[in-house]
N, C-alpha and C. Protein backbone atom coordinates (compact mmCIF):
# COMPACT_ATOMS: atom_id res chain seq x y z
N MET A 1 -0.22 -11.59 1.83
CA MET A 1 -1.47 -11.41 2.57
C MET A 1 -1.36 -11.90 4.01
N GLN A 2 -0.38 -12.74 4.27
CA GLN A 2 -0.23 -13.30 5.61
C GLN A 2 0.73 -12.48 6.48
N THR A 3 1.11 -11.31 6.01
CA THR A 3 2.02 -10.45 6.76
C THR A 3 1.37 -9.08 6.94
N PRO A 4 1.84 -8.29 7.91
CA PRO A 4 1.28 -6.95 8.09
C PRO A 4 1.56 -6.00 6.95
N TYR A 5 2.39 -6.40 5.99
CA TYR A 5 2.64 -5.54 4.83
C TYR A 5 1.37 -5.34 4.00
N VAL A 6 0.37 -6.20 4.16
CA VAL A 6 -0.89 -6.01 3.43
C VAL A 6 -1.55 -4.71 3.82
N LEU A 7 -1.23 -4.18 5.01
CA LEU A 7 -1.80 -2.92 5.46
C LEU A 7 -1.38 -1.75 4.57
N LEU A 8 -0.29 -1.92 3.81
CA LEU A 8 0.16 -0.86 2.91
C LEU A 8 -0.85 -0.59 1.80
N LEU A 9 -1.76 -1.52 1.55
CA LEU A 9 -2.77 -1.30 0.52
C LEU A 9 -3.73 -0.18 0.91
N SER A 10 -3.76 0.19 2.18
CA SER A 10 -4.60 1.32 2.60
C SER A 10 -3.94 2.66 2.27
N PHE A 11 -2.69 2.62 1.80
CA PHE A 11 -1.94 3.83 1.43
C PHE A 11 -2.36 4.24 0.02
N PRO A 12 -2.99 5.40 -0.16
CA PRO A 12 -3.38 5.84 -1.52
C PRO A 12 -2.18 5.92 -2.45
N GLY A 13 -2.27 5.24 -3.59
CA GLY A 13 -1.18 5.26 -4.55
C GLY A 13 -0.33 4.01 -4.55
N ILE A 14 -0.55 3.09 -3.61
CA ILE A 14 0.21 1.85 -3.55
C ILE A 14 -0.70 0.69 -3.93
N ASN A 15 -0.27 -0.12 -4.88
CA ASN A 15 -1.08 -1.23 -5.34
C ASN A 15 -0.53 -2.56 -4.82
N VAL A 16 -1.18 -3.64 -5.22
CA VAL A 16 -0.81 -4.96 -4.73
C VAL A 16 0.61 -5.33 -5.14
N VAL A 17 0.96 -5.06 -6.38
CA VAL A 17 2.28 -5.47 -6.90
C VAL A 17 3.40 -4.72 -6.19
N SER A 18 3.29 -3.40 -6.08
CA SER A 18 4.36 -2.63 -5.45
C SER A 18 4.48 -2.96 -3.96
N ALA A 19 3.35 -3.19 -3.28
CA ALA A 19 3.40 -3.57 -1.87
C ALA A 19 4.08 -4.93 -1.71
N ALA A 20 3.78 -5.86 -2.64
CA ALA A 20 4.39 -7.18 -2.58
C ALA A 20 5.89 -7.11 -2.84
N ASP A 21 6.30 -6.28 -3.80
CA ASP A 21 7.73 -6.10 -4.08
C ASP A 21 8.47 -5.59 -2.84
N PHE A 22 7.88 -4.59 -2.22
CA PHE A 22 8.49 -3.99 -1.02
C PHE A 22 8.57 -5.03 0.10
N ALA A 23 7.48 -5.76 0.34
CA ALA A 23 7.46 -6.75 1.41
C ALA A 23 8.47 -7.86 1.16
N GLY A 24 8.57 -8.30 -0.11
CA GLY A 24 9.50 -9.37 -0.43
C GLY A 24 10.95 -9.01 -0.19
N GLU A 25 11.31 -7.76 -0.45
CA GLU A 25 12.69 -7.32 -0.23
C GLU A 25 12.96 -6.94 1.22
N MET A 26 11.93 -6.51 1.93
CA MET A 26 12.11 -6.09 3.32
C MET A 26 12.32 -7.26 4.26
N GLY A 27 11.50 -8.30 4.13
CA GLY A 27 11.52 -9.36 5.12
C GLY A 27 10.79 -8.90 6.38
N PRO A 28 10.89 -9.66 7.47
CA PRO A 28 10.16 -9.32 8.70
C PRO A 28 10.48 -7.90 9.18
N ILE A 29 9.45 -7.14 9.51
CA ILE A 29 9.64 -5.77 9.96
C ILE A 29 10.38 -5.72 11.29
N GLU A 30 10.35 -6.83 12.04
CA GLU A 30 11.04 -6.89 13.33
C GLU A 30 12.55 -6.76 13.18
N HIS A 31 13.06 -6.93 11.97
CA HIS A 31 14.51 -6.81 11.73
C HIS A 31 14.97 -5.36 11.63
N TYR A 32 14.02 -4.42 11.71
CA TYR A 32 14.36 -3.00 11.53
C TYR A 32 14.03 -2.24 12.81
N LEU A 33 15.02 -1.50 13.30
CA LEU A 33 14.81 -0.73 14.52
C LEU A 33 13.92 0.48 14.29
N ASN A 34 14.08 1.12 13.13
CA ASN A 34 13.30 2.30 12.79
C ASN A 34 13.34 2.49 11.28
N ALA A 35 12.74 3.57 10.80
CA ALA A 35 12.70 3.82 9.35
C ALA A 35 14.08 4.07 8.78
N LYS A 36 14.99 4.65 9.57
CA LYS A 36 16.34 4.89 9.07
C LYS A 36 17.08 3.59 8.78
N SER A 37 16.70 2.53 9.48
CA SER A 37 17.31 1.23 9.21
C SER A 37 16.93 0.75 7.81
N ILE A 38 15.71 1.09 7.39
CA ILE A 38 15.24 0.69 6.06
C ILE A 38 15.99 1.48 4.99
N THR A 39 15.99 2.80 5.14
CA THR A 39 16.63 3.64 4.12
C THR A 39 18.14 3.44 4.10
N GLY A 40 18.72 3.09 5.25
CA GLY A 40 20.15 2.81 5.28
C GLY A 40 20.48 1.54 4.50
N ARG A 41 19.68 0.50 4.69
CA ARG A 41 19.89 -0.76 3.96
C ARG A 41 19.68 -0.56 2.46
N ALA A 42 18.73 0.32 2.11
CA ALA A 42 18.44 0.57 0.70
C ALA A 42 19.42 1.56 0.08
N GLY A 43 20.25 2.18 0.89
CA GLY A 43 21.24 3.12 0.35
C GLY A 43 20.63 4.40 -0.16
N LEU A 44 19.57 4.89 0.48
CA LEU A 44 18.94 6.14 0.04
C LEU A 44 19.63 7.32 0.74
N ARG A 45 20.90 7.47 0.45
CA ARG A 45 21.68 8.58 0.98
C ARG A 45 22.82 8.85 0.02
N PRO A 46 23.29 10.10 -0.03
CA PRO A 46 24.38 10.43 -0.97
C PRO A 46 25.71 9.86 -0.49
N SER A 47 26.56 9.53 -1.45
CA SER A 47 27.90 9.07 -1.09
C SER A 47 28.70 10.24 -0.52
N ARG A 48 29.71 9.92 0.26
CA ARG A 48 30.47 10.95 0.96
C ARG A 48 31.96 10.85 0.61
N TYR A 49 32.56 11.98 0.32
CA TYR A 49 33.99 12.02 -0.01
C TYR A 49 34.70 12.85 1.06
N GLN A 50 35.71 12.24 1.71
CA GLN A 50 36.48 12.93 2.74
C GLN A 50 37.97 12.82 2.42
N SER A 51 38.63 13.95 2.48
CA SER A 51 40.08 13.99 2.27
C SER A 51 40.63 15.26 2.93
N ASP A 52 41.41 15.07 3.97
CA ASP A 52 42.00 16.19 4.70
C ASP A 52 40.86 17.11 5.19
N ALA A 53 40.84 18.36 4.72
CA ALA A 53 39.80 19.30 5.16
C ALA A 53 38.55 19.22 4.29
N VAL A 54 38.59 18.38 3.27
CA VAL A 54 37.45 18.26 2.37
C VAL A 54 36.48 17.22 2.91
N ASP A 55 35.21 17.59 2.98
CA ASP A 55 34.17 16.67 3.44
C ASP A 55 32.91 16.95 2.64
N LEU A 56 32.70 16.18 1.58
CA LEU A 56 31.55 16.38 0.70
C LEU A 56 30.58 15.23 0.85
N ALA A 57 29.34 15.58 1.09
CA ALA A 57 28.31 14.55 1.28
C ALA A 57 27.15 14.79 0.31
N ASN A 58 27.49 15.19 -0.91
CA ASN A 58 26.44 15.49 -1.88
C ASN A 58 26.67 14.78 -3.21
N GLY A 59 27.30 13.61 -3.13
CA GLY A 59 27.57 12.85 -4.34
C GLY A 59 26.37 12.00 -4.73
N PRO A 60 26.54 11.07 -5.67
CA PRO A 60 25.45 10.17 -6.06
C PRO A 60 25.11 9.21 -4.93
N LEU A 61 24.03 8.47 -5.08
CA LEU A 61 23.64 7.51 -4.05
C LEU A 61 24.75 6.48 -3.84
N VAL A 62 24.87 6.02 -2.61
CA VAL A 62 25.92 5.07 -2.27
C VAL A 62 25.78 3.81 -3.12
N ARG A 63 26.91 3.16 -3.38
CA ARG A 63 26.91 1.97 -4.23
C ARG A 63 26.60 0.71 -3.45
N HIS A 64 27.12 0.63 -2.22
CA HIS A 64 26.97 -0.59 -1.44
C HIS A 64 25.64 -0.54 -0.68
N CYS A 65 24.68 -1.33 -1.16
CA CYS A 65 23.35 -1.33 -0.56
C CYS A 65 22.58 -2.52 -1.11
N ASN A 66 21.37 -2.70 -0.64
CA ASN A 66 20.46 -3.69 -1.21
C ASN A 66 19.75 -3.02 -2.37
N ARG A 67 20.23 -3.26 -3.57
CA ARG A 67 19.70 -2.56 -4.74
C ARG A 67 18.26 -2.96 -5.06
N ALA A 68 17.90 -4.21 -4.75
CA ALA A 68 16.52 -4.64 -5.01
C ALA A 68 15.55 -3.89 -4.11
N LEU A 69 15.92 -3.68 -2.84
CA LEU A 69 15.08 -2.92 -1.93
C LEU A 69 15.00 -1.47 -2.38
N ARG A 70 16.13 -0.91 -2.80
CA ARG A 70 16.12 0.46 -3.30
C ARG A 70 15.19 0.60 -4.50
N ALA A 71 15.27 -0.35 -5.43
CA ALA A 71 14.41 -0.31 -6.61
C ALA A 71 12.94 -0.38 -6.23
N ALA A 72 12.60 -1.22 -5.25
CA ALA A 72 11.20 -1.34 -4.81
C ALA A 72 10.71 -0.02 -4.22
N ILE A 73 11.55 0.63 -3.41
CA ILE A 73 11.16 1.89 -2.78
C ILE A 73 11.01 3.00 -3.82
N LEU A 74 11.96 3.09 -4.74
CA LEU A 74 11.89 4.13 -5.76
C LEU A 74 10.75 3.87 -6.74
N GLY A 75 10.41 2.61 -6.96
CA GLY A 75 9.24 2.29 -7.78
C GLY A 75 7.96 2.78 -7.13
N ILE A 76 7.87 2.60 -5.81
CA ILE A 76 6.72 3.12 -5.07
C ILE A 76 6.70 4.64 -5.11
N ALA A 77 7.88 5.26 -5.03
CA ALA A 77 7.96 6.72 -5.11
C ALA A 77 7.41 7.21 -6.44
N ASP A 78 7.72 6.50 -7.53
CA ASP A 78 7.17 6.85 -8.84
C ASP A 78 5.65 6.79 -8.82
N ASN A 79 5.11 5.71 -8.22
CA ASN A 79 3.65 5.56 -8.15
C ASN A 79 3.01 6.69 -7.34
N LEU A 80 3.65 7.06 -6.23
CA LEU A 80 3.07 8.11 -5.38
C LEU A 80 3.09 9.46 -6.08
N VAL A 81 4.17 9.77 -6.79
CA VAL A 81 4.23 11.04 -7.51
C VAL A 81 3.17 11.08 -8.61
N THR A 82 2.84 9.92 -9.18
CA THR A 82 1.87 9.86 -10.26
C THR A 82 0.43 9.79 -9.76
N CYS A 83 0.18 9.05 -8.68
CA CYS A 83 -1.19 8.71 -8.28
C CYS A 83 -1.65 9.32 -6.95
N ASN A 84 -0.76 9.92 -6.21
CA ASN A 84 -1.12 10.46 -4.90
C ASN A 84 -1.04 11.98 -4.96
N HIS A 85 -2.17 12.65 -4.71
CA HIS A 85 -2.24 14.10 -4.88
C HIS A 85 -1.27 14.84 -3.96
N HIS A 86 -1.09 14.34 -2.74
CA HIS A 86 -0.18 15.00 -1.80
C HIS A 86 1.25 15.00 -2.34
N PHE A 87 1.70 13.85 -2.81
CA PHE A 87 3.07 13.75 -3.30
C PHE A 87 3.20 14.39 -4.69
N GLN A 88 2.13 14.44 -5.45
CA GLN A 88 2.14 15.19 -6.71
C GLN A 88 2.43 16.66 -6.44
N ALA A 89 1.75 17.21 -5.41
CA ALA A 89 1.95 18.62 -5.07
C ALA A 89 3.37 18.87 -4.61
N LEU A 90 3.93 17.96 -3.80
CA LEU A 90 5.31 18.11 -3.34
C LEU A 90 6.28 18.07 -4.52
N ALA A 91 6.04 17.14 -5.44
CA ALA A 91 6.92 17.02 -6.60
C ALA A 91 6.86 18.28 -7.46
N THR A 92 5.67 18.83 -7.62
CA THR A 92 5.53 20.07 -8.39
C THR A 92 6.25 21.23 -7.71
N GLN A 93 6.14 21.30 -6.40
CA GLN A 93 6.81 22.36 -5.63
C GLN A 93 8.32 22.24 -5.75
N TRP A 94 8.85 21.04 -5.61
CA TRP A 94 10.30 20.84 -5.70
C TRP A 94 10.80 21.10 -7.13
N SER A 95 9.99 20.74 -8.12
CA SER A 95 10.37 21.00 -9.51
C SER A 95 10.47 22.50 -9.77
N ALA A 96 9.52 23.27 -9.20
CA ALA A 96 9.55 24.73 -9.35
C ALA A 96 10.78 25.33 -8.68
N GLN A 97 11.33 24.65 -7.68
CA GLN A 97 12.53 25.12 -7.01
C GLN A 97 13.80 24.70 -7.75
N GLY A 98 13.61 23.99 -8.88
CA GLY A 98 14.75 23.57 -9.67
C GLY A 98 15.41 22.29 -9.21
N LYS A 99 14.72 21.50 -8.39
CA LYS A 99 15.30 20.26 -7.90
C LYS A 99 15.34 19.21 -9.00
N ASP A 100 16.37 18.40 -8.98
CA ASP A 100 16.51 17.29 -9.92
C ASP A 100 15.39 16.28 -9.66
N PRO A 101 14.75 15.73 -10.70
CA PRO A 101 13.70 14.71 -10.50
C PRO A 101 14.18 13.52 -9.67
N ARG A 102 15.47 13.19 -9.76
CA ARG A 102 16.00 12.09 -8.95
C ARG A 102 15.98 12.46 -7.47
N HIS A 103 16.24 13.72 -7.17
CA HIS A 103 16.14 14.21 -5.79
C HIS A 103 14.72 14.04 -5.27
N THR A 104 13.74 14.36 -6.13
CA THR A 104 12.33 14.24 -5.73
C THR A 104 11.98 12.80 -5.42
N ARG A 105 12.41 11.86 -6.26
CA ARG A 105 12.08 10.45 -6.02
C ARG A 105 12.68 9.96 -4.71
N VAL A 106 13.90 10.36 -4.43
CA VAL A 106 14.54 9.93 -3.18
C VAL A 106 13.81 10.53 -1.98
N LYS A 107 13.45 11.80 -2.06
CA LYS A 107 12.73 12.44 -0.95
C LYS A 107 11.40 11.76 -0.69
N VAL A 108 10.66 11.46 -1.78
CA VAL A 108 9.39 10.77 -1.62
C VAL A 108 9.61 9.38 -1.05
N GLY A 109 10.66 8.69 -1.51
CA GLY A 109 10.98 7.36 -0.98
C GLY A 109 11.28 7.40 0.50
N LEU A 110 12.00 8.41 0.95
CA LEU A 110 12.31 8.56 2.38
C LEU A 110 11.03 8.77 3.20
N ARG A 111 10.15 9.60 2.68
CA ARG A 111 8.89 9.85 3.40
C ARG A 111 8.02 8.60 3.43
N PHE A 112 8.00 7.88 2.32
CA PHE A 112 7.23 6.64 2.30
C PHE A 112 7.74 5.66 3.35
N CYS A 113 9.06 5.52 3.46
CA CYS A 113 9.62 4.57 4.42
C CYS A 113 9.25 4.93 5.85
N ARG A 114 9.22 6.22 6.17
CA ARG A 114 8.83 6.63 7.52
C ARG A 114 7.38 6.25 7.81
N ILE A 115 6.51 6.51 6.83
CA ILE A 115 5.10 6.19 7.02
C ILE A 115 4.89 4.68 7.05
N ALA A 116 5.55 3.97 6.13
CA ALA A 116 5.38 2.52 6.04
C ALA A 116 5.85 1.82 7.31
N PHE A 117 6.94 2.30 7.90
CA PHE A 117 7.42 1.67 9.14
C PHE A 117 6.38 1.81 10.25
N GLN A 118 5.79 2.99 10.37
CA GLN A 118 4.77 3.19 11.40
C GLN A 118 3.56 2.30 11.16
N MET A 119 3.19 2.11 9.89
CA MET A 119 2.03 1.29 9.57
C MET A 119 2.29 -0.19 9.84
N VAL A 120 3.39 -0.70 9.30
CA VAL A 120 3.65 -2.14 9.39
C VAL A 120 4.07 -2.54 10.80
N ALA A 121 5.01 -1.79 11.40
CA ALA A 121 5.46 -2.13 12.75
C ALA A 121 4.37 -1.89 13.78
N GLY A 122 3.54 -0.87 13.54
CA GLY A 122 2.48 -0.54 14.49
C GLY A 122 1.18 -1.25 14.21
N ARG A 123 1.13 -2.07 13.13
CA ARG A 123 -0.09 -2.81 12.76
C ARG A 123 -1.29 -1.87 12.67
N GLN A 124 -1.16 -0.82 11.84
CA GLN A 124 -2.23 0.15 11.69
C GLN A 124 -2.41 0.53 10.24
N VAL A 125 -3.61 0.98 9.91
CA VAL A 125 -3.89 1.39 8.53
C VAL A 125 -3.37 2.81 8.32
N PHE A 126 -3.45 3.28 7.09
CA PHE A 126 -2.86 4.56 6.72
C PHE A 126 -3.57 5.72 7.40
N ARG A 127 -2.79 6.62 7.96
CA ARG A 127 -3.27 7.87 8.54
C ARG A 127 -2.23 8.95 8.25
N HIS A 128 -2.68 10.08 7.70
CA HIS A 128 -1.73 11.16 7.42
C HIS A 128 -2.50 12.48 7.50
N PRO A 129 -1.97 13.46 8.25
CA PRO A 129 -2.70 14.72 8.43
C PRO A 129 -2.87 15.52 7.14
N SER A 130 -2.01 15.28 6.14
CA SER A 130 -2.07 16.07 4.90
C SER A 130 -2.81 15.35 3.77
N ILE A 131 -3.23 14.11 4.01
CA ILE A 131 -3.90 13.33 2.97
C ILE A 131 -5.25 12.89 3.49
N GLN A 132 -6.31 13.27 2.79
CA GLN A 132 -7.66 12.96 3.22
C GLN A 132 -8.01 11.52 2.88
N GLY A 133 -8.48 10.79 3.88
CA GLY A 133 -8.98 9.44 3.67
C GLY A 133 -7.89 8.42 3.41
N ARG A 134 -8.32 7.19 3.29
CA ARG A 134 -7.43 6.08 2.99
C ARG A 134 -8.13 5.14 2.03
N HIS A 135 -7.39 4.22 1.45
CA HIS A 135 -8.00 3.19 0.62
C HIS A 135 -8.38 1.99 1.48
N TYR A 136 -9.27 1.18 0.94
CA TYR A 136 -9.73 0.01 1.69
C TYR A 136 -9.00 -1.23 1.20
N ILE A 137 -8.38 -1.93 2.11
CA ILE A 137 -7.48 -3.03 1.79
C ILE A 137 -8.20 -4.15 1.05
N LEU A 138 -9.30 -4.64 1.63
CA LEU A 138 -10.00 -5.78 1.04
C LEU A 138 -10.64 -5.42 -0.29
N ASP A 139 -11.11 -4.19 -0.42
CA ASP A 139 -11.71 -3.75 -1.68
C ASP A 139 -10.65 -3.69 -2.77
N LYS A 140 -9.46 -3.16 -2.45
CA LYS A 140 -8.38 -3.08 -3.44
C LYS A 140 -7.90 -4.48 -3.81
N LEU A 141 -7.83 -5.37 -2.82
CA LEU A 141 -7.40 -6.74 -3.09
C LEU A 141 -8.42 -7.47 -3.96
N THR A 142 -9.71 -7.27 -3.68
CA THR A 142 -10.76 -7.90 -4.48
C THR A 142 -10.71 -7.41 -5.92
N ALA A 143 -10.53 -6.11 -6.10
CA ALA A 143 -10.46 -5.55 -7.45
C ALA A 143 -9.27 -6.11 -8.21
N PHE A 144 -8.14 -6.28 -7.53
CA PHE A 144 -6.95 -6.85 -8.18
C PHE A 144 -7.23 -8.26 -8.68
N HIS A 145 -7.84 -9.09 -7.84
CA HIS A 145 -8.11 -10.48 -8.22
C HIS A 145 -9.16 -10.53 -9.33
N ARG A 146 -10.14 -9.62 -9.29
CA ARG A 146 -11.16 -9.61 -10.35
C ARG A 146 -10.55 -9.25 -11.70
N GLU A 147 -9.63 -8.30 -11.70
CA GLU A 147 -8.99 -7.89 -12.94
C GLU A 147 -8.10 -8.99 -13.52
N HIS A 148 -7.59 -9.87 -12.65
CA HIS A 148 -6.67 -10.91 -13.12
C HIS A 148 -7.35 -12.29 -13.17
N ASP A 149 -8.67 -12.32 -13.03
CA ASP A 149 -9.43 -13.57 -13.15
C ASP A 149 -8.87 -14.67 -12.26
N THR A 150 -8.57 -14.32 -11.04
CA THR A 150 -8.06 -15.30 -10.07
C THR A 150 -9.18 -16.25 -9.67
N GLY A 151 -8.83 -17.51 -9.45
CA GLY A 151 -9.82 -18.48 -8.98
C GLY A 151 -10.40 -18.08 -7.64
N MET A 152 -11.68 -18.37 -7.43
CA MET A 152 -12.34 -17.92 -6.22
C MET A 152 -11.79 -18.57 -4.95
N VAL A 153 -11.23 -19.78 -5.08
CA VAL A 153 -10.61 -20.42 -3.91
C VAL A 153 -9.42 -19.58 -3.43
N GLU A 154 -8.60 -19.13 -4.38
CA GLU A 154 -7.44 -18.30 -4.03
C GLU A 154 -7.88 -16.93 -3.52
N VAL A 155 -8.94 -16.38 -4.11
CA VAL A 155 -9.43 -15.07 -3.67
C VAL A 155 -9.90 -15.16 -2.22
N LEU A 156 -10.69 -16.17 -1.91
CA LEU A 156 -11.19 -16.32 -0.54
C LEU A 156 -10.04 -16.55 0.44
N ARG A 157 -9.06 -17.33 0.03
CA ARG A 157 -7.90 -17.58 0.90
C ARG A 157 -7.17 -16.29 1.22
N ASP A 158 -6.93 -15.47 0.18
CA ASP A 158 -6.20 -14.21 0.38
C ASP A 158 -7.00 -13.23 1.23
N LEU A 159 -8.30 -13.14 0.97
CA LEU A 159 -9.13 -12.21 1.74
C LEU A 159 -9.17 -12.60 3.21
N GLN A 160 -9.29 -13.88 3.48
CA GLN A 160 -9.33 -14.32 4.87
C GLN A 160 -7.99 -14.10 5.57
N ALA A 161 -6.90 -14.32 4.82
CA ALA A 161 -5.58 -14.07 5.41
C ALA A 161 -5.40 -12.58 5.69
N ALA A 162 -5.87 -11.73 4.78
CA ALA A 162 -5.74 -10.28 4.96
C ALA A 162 -6.55 -9.80 6.16
N ILE A 163 -7.73 -10.39 6.36
CA ILE A 163 -8.56 -9.99 7.50
C ILE A 163 -7.80 -10.20 8.81
N GLY A 164 -7.00 -11.27 8.85
CA GLY A 164 -6.23 -11.54 10.06
C GLY A 164 -5.20 -10.47 10.38
N GLN A 165 -4.83 -9.65 9.38
CA GLN A 165 -3.85 -8.59 9.59
C GLN A 165 -4.50 -7.22 9.83
N VAL A 166 -5.77 -7.08 9.47
CA VAL A 166 -6.46 -5.80 9.64
C VAL A 166 -6.87 -5.62 11.10
N PRO A 167 -6.57 -4.48 11.71
CA PRO A 167 -6.97 -4.25 13.10
C PRO A 167 -8.48 -4.40 13.27
N PRO A 168 -8.95 -5.08 14.32
CA PRO A 168 -10.39 -5.28 14.52
C PRO A 168 -11.20 -4.00 14.48
N ARG A 169 -10.65 -2.89 14.95
CA ARG A 169 -11.40 -1.64 14.96
C ARG A 169 -11.67 -1.13 13.54
N GLU A 170 -10.97 -1.68 12.53
CA GLU A 170 -11.16 -1.25 11.15
C GLU A 170 -12.06 -2.20 10.36
N HIS A 171 -12.56 -3.25 10.99
CA HIS A 171 -13.36 -4.24 10.27
C HIS A 171 -14.63 -3.64 9.69
N ALA A 172 -15.31 -2.82 10.45
CA ALA A 172 -16.56 -2.22 9.95
C ALA A 172 -16.31 -1.35 8.74
N ALA A 173 -15.22 -0.58 8.77
CA ALA A 173 -14.90 0.28 7.63
C ALA A 173 -14.54 -0.55 6.41
N GLU A 174 -13.79 -1.64 6.61
CA GLU A 174 -13.40 -2.51 5.50
C GLU A 174 -14.61 -3.21 4.89
N ALA A 175 -15.66 -3.43 5.69
CA ALA A 175 -16.84 -4.14 5.20
C ALA A 175 -17.70 -3.28 4.29
N LYS A 176 -17.67 -1.98 4.48
CA LYS A 176 -18.59 -1.10 3.74
C LYS A 176 -18.47 -1.23 2.22
N PRO A 177 -17.26 -1.08 1.61
CA PRO A 177 -17.19 -1.22 0.15
C PRO A 177 -17.53 -2.62 -0.33
N LEU A 178 -17.29 -3.65 0.50
CA LEU A 178 -17.64 -5.02 0.11
C LEU A 178 -19.15 -5.20 0.07
N GLN A 179 -19.84 -4.58 1.01
CA GLN A 179 -21.31 -4.63 1.01
C GLN A 179 -21.86 -3.95 -0.25
N GLU A 180 -21.28 -2.82 -0.60
CA GLU A 180 -21.73 -2.11 -1.80
C GLU A 180 -21.49 -2.94 -3.05
N GLU A 181 -20.35 -3.64 -3.11
CA GLU A 181 -20.05 -4.51 -4.25
C GLU A 181 -21.06 -5.66 -4.32
N LEU A 182 -21.40 -6.22 -3.17
CA LEU A 182 -22.37 -7.31 -3.13
C LEU A 182 -23.72 -6.84 -3.61
N HIS A 183 -24.11 -5.62 -3.27
CA HIS A 183 -25.38 -5.06 -3.74
C HIS A 183 -25.37 -4.90 -5.26
N ARG A 184 -24.24 -4.43 -5.81
CA ARG A 184 -24.15 -4.27 -7.26
C ARG A 184 -24.31 -5.61 -7.97
N ILE A 185 -23.73 -6.66 -7.39
CA ILE A 185 -23.85 -7.99 -7.99
C ILE A 185 -25.29 -8.48 -7.93
N HIS A 186 -25.93 -8.32 -6.77
CA HIS A 186 -27.30 -8.79 -6.60
C HIS A 186 -28.28 -7.99 -7.46
N ASP A 187 -27.99 -6.72 -7.68
CA ASP A 187 -28.88 -5.88 -8.48
C ASP A 187 -28.62 -6.01 -9.98
N GLY A 188 -27.63 -6.81 -10.35
CA GLY A 188 -27.33 -7.02 -11.76
C GLY A 188 -26.56 -5.89 -12.40
N ARG A 189 -25.95 -5.03 -11.59
CA ARG A 189 -25.19 -3.91 -12.15
C ARG A 189 -23.72 -4.27 -12.39
N ARG A 190 -23.31 -5.47 -12.02
CA ARG A 190 -21.94 -5.90 -12.24
C ARG A 190 -21.94 -6.95 -13.35
N ARG A 191 -21.23 -6.68 -14.43
CA ARG A 191 -21.18 -7.60 -15.56
C ARG A 191 -20.12 -8.67 -15.34
N GLY A 192 -20.22 -9.72 -16.14
CA GLY A 192 -19.23 -10.78 -16.07
C GLY A 192 -19.56 -11.81 -15.01
N PRO A 193 -18.64 -12.77 -14.74
CA PRO A 193 -18.88 -13.83 -13.75
C PRO A 193 -19.18 -13.24 -12.38
N GLN A 194 -20.19 -13.82 -11.71
CA GLN A 194 -20.63 -13.27 -10.44
C GLN A 194 -20.33 -14.22 -9.28
N VAL A 195 -19.32 -15.09 -9.43
CA VAL A 195 -18.98 -16.02 -8.36
C VAL A 195 -18.57 -15.27 -7.10
N LEU A 196 -18.07 -14.03 -7.29
CA LEU A 196 -17.67 -13.23 -6.15
C LEU A 196 -18.82 -13.04 -5.18
N GLY A 197 -20.05 -13.03 -5.69
CA GLY A 197 -21.21 -12.87 -4.83
C GLY A 197 -21.38 -14.01 -3.86
N ASP A 198 -20.74 -15.16 -4.14
CA ASP A 198 -20.85 -16.32 -3.24
C ASP A 198 -19.87 -16.23 -2.07
N ILE A 199 -18.74 -15.52 -2.27
CA ILE A 199 -17.75 -15.49 -1.20
C ILE A 199 -17.81 -14.21 -0.37
N LEU A 200 -18.40 -13.14 -0.92
CA LEU A 200 -18.47 -11.91 -0.13
C LEU A 200 -19.24 -12.08 1.17
N PRO A 201 -20.37 -12.82 1.19
CA PRO A 201 -21.03 -13.03 2.50
C PRO A 201 -20.13 -13.73 3.51
N ILE A 202 -19.27 -14.65 3.04
CA ILE A 202 -18.34 -15.33 3.94
C ILE A 202 -17.34 -14.33 4.51
N VAL A 203 -16.84 -13.45 3.64
CA VAL A 203 -15.86 -12.45 4.08
C VAL A 203 -16.51 -11.47 5.06
N LEU A 204 -17.73 -11.03 4.75
CA LEU A 204 -18.42 -10.10 5.64
C LEU A 204 -18.68 -10.73 7.00
N ALA A 205 -19.01 -12.02 7.00
CA ALA A 205 -19.23 -12.71 8.27
C ALA A 205 -17.94 -12.77 9.07
N ARG A 206 -16.82 -12.99 8.38
CA ARG A 206 -15.53 -13.02 9.07
C ARG A 206 -15.21 -11.65 9.67
N LEU A 207 -15.67 -10.59 9.03
CA LEU A 207 -15.46 -9.24 9.55
C LEU A 207 -16.42 -8.91 10.68
N GLY A 208 -17.37 -9.81 10.92
CA GLY A 208 -18.35 -9.57 11.97
C GLY A 208 -19.48 -8.66 11.55
N VAL A 209 -19.66 -8.51 10.23
CA VAL A 209 -20.72 -7.65 9.70
C VAL A 209 -21.60 -8.50 8.81
N GLY A 210 -22.90 -8.51 9.07
CA GLY A 210 -23.81 -9.29 8.25
C GLY A 210 -24.02 -8.63 6.90
N ALA A 211 -24.28 -9.44 5.89
CA ALA A 211 -24.55 -8.92 4.55
C ALA A 211 -25.95 -8.33 4.53
N VAL A 212 -26.07 -7.02 4.26
CA VAL A 212 -27.34 -6.35 4.24
C VAL A 212 -28.07 -6.71 2.94
N GLN A 213 -29.30 -7.12 3.06
CA GLN A 213 -30.07 -7.50 1.89
C GLN A 213 -30.52 -6.28 1.10
N SER A 214 -30.49 -6.39 -0.22
CA SER A 214 -30.96 -5.30 -1.05
C SER A 214 -32.48 -5.20 -0.93
N PRO A 215 -33.07 -3.98 -0.97
CA PRO A 215 -34.52 -3.84 -0.86
C PRO A 215 -35.21 -4.49 -2.05
N GLU A 216 -36.34 -5.17 -1.79
CA GLU A 216 -37.08 -5.82 -2.84
C GLU A 216 -37.79 -4.78 -3.70
N SER A 217 -37.92 -5.09 -4.99
CA SER A 217 -38.51 -4.14 -5.92
C SER A 217 -40.03 -4.12 -5.80
N GLY A 218 -40.64 -5.20 -5.26
CA GLY A 218 -42.08 -5.26 -5.14
C GLY A 218 -42.76 -5.87 -6.34
N GLU A 219 -41.97 -6.21 -7.38
CA GLU A 219 -42.57 -6.80 -8.56
C GLU A 219 -42.89 -8.29 -8.32
């Protein structure tokens, strides 16, 4: 949450765990000149055989690489093919062309790395001309902590750290789903522990957006 990799949560199809795996294996984004530096380190390229006039570059993936980074990228590729409509369509198209499923995963992984580099290095949320909309970082992070019954002290710490990475121009957009969640809690439409209702006003204030009060029923 204290690194710009948290911005990857705005990418439809990427969750907290896969983003954390990728960030942990990548290290500081400043160590990479471009997206090819990422895919080169991960070994997302076919091995090459050269002998005399023979020059084949269509073998299996290279052996010498950071295998943990490769696994993180290909794991994200699996998620995108399963959960992202754009990449689902690409995978279906490539399958109809007779492409090996492993080819599809590598292609999706390469495209992800190009997009991820622009997001993390450029400190920007997800934008793609072929994919409508983006996910909301703080909303996805809140849902993750709610599902895992994280203590509210840790939730507030992570949310505040994430806010520091979100571009200021995106604060209003990030506040909208949090306001809606706060309304559901106040209206009694959210079951279970409601301690989250105590920290959302703090988060909204940090975003520079006041918590809008729910209309009174008049009873």
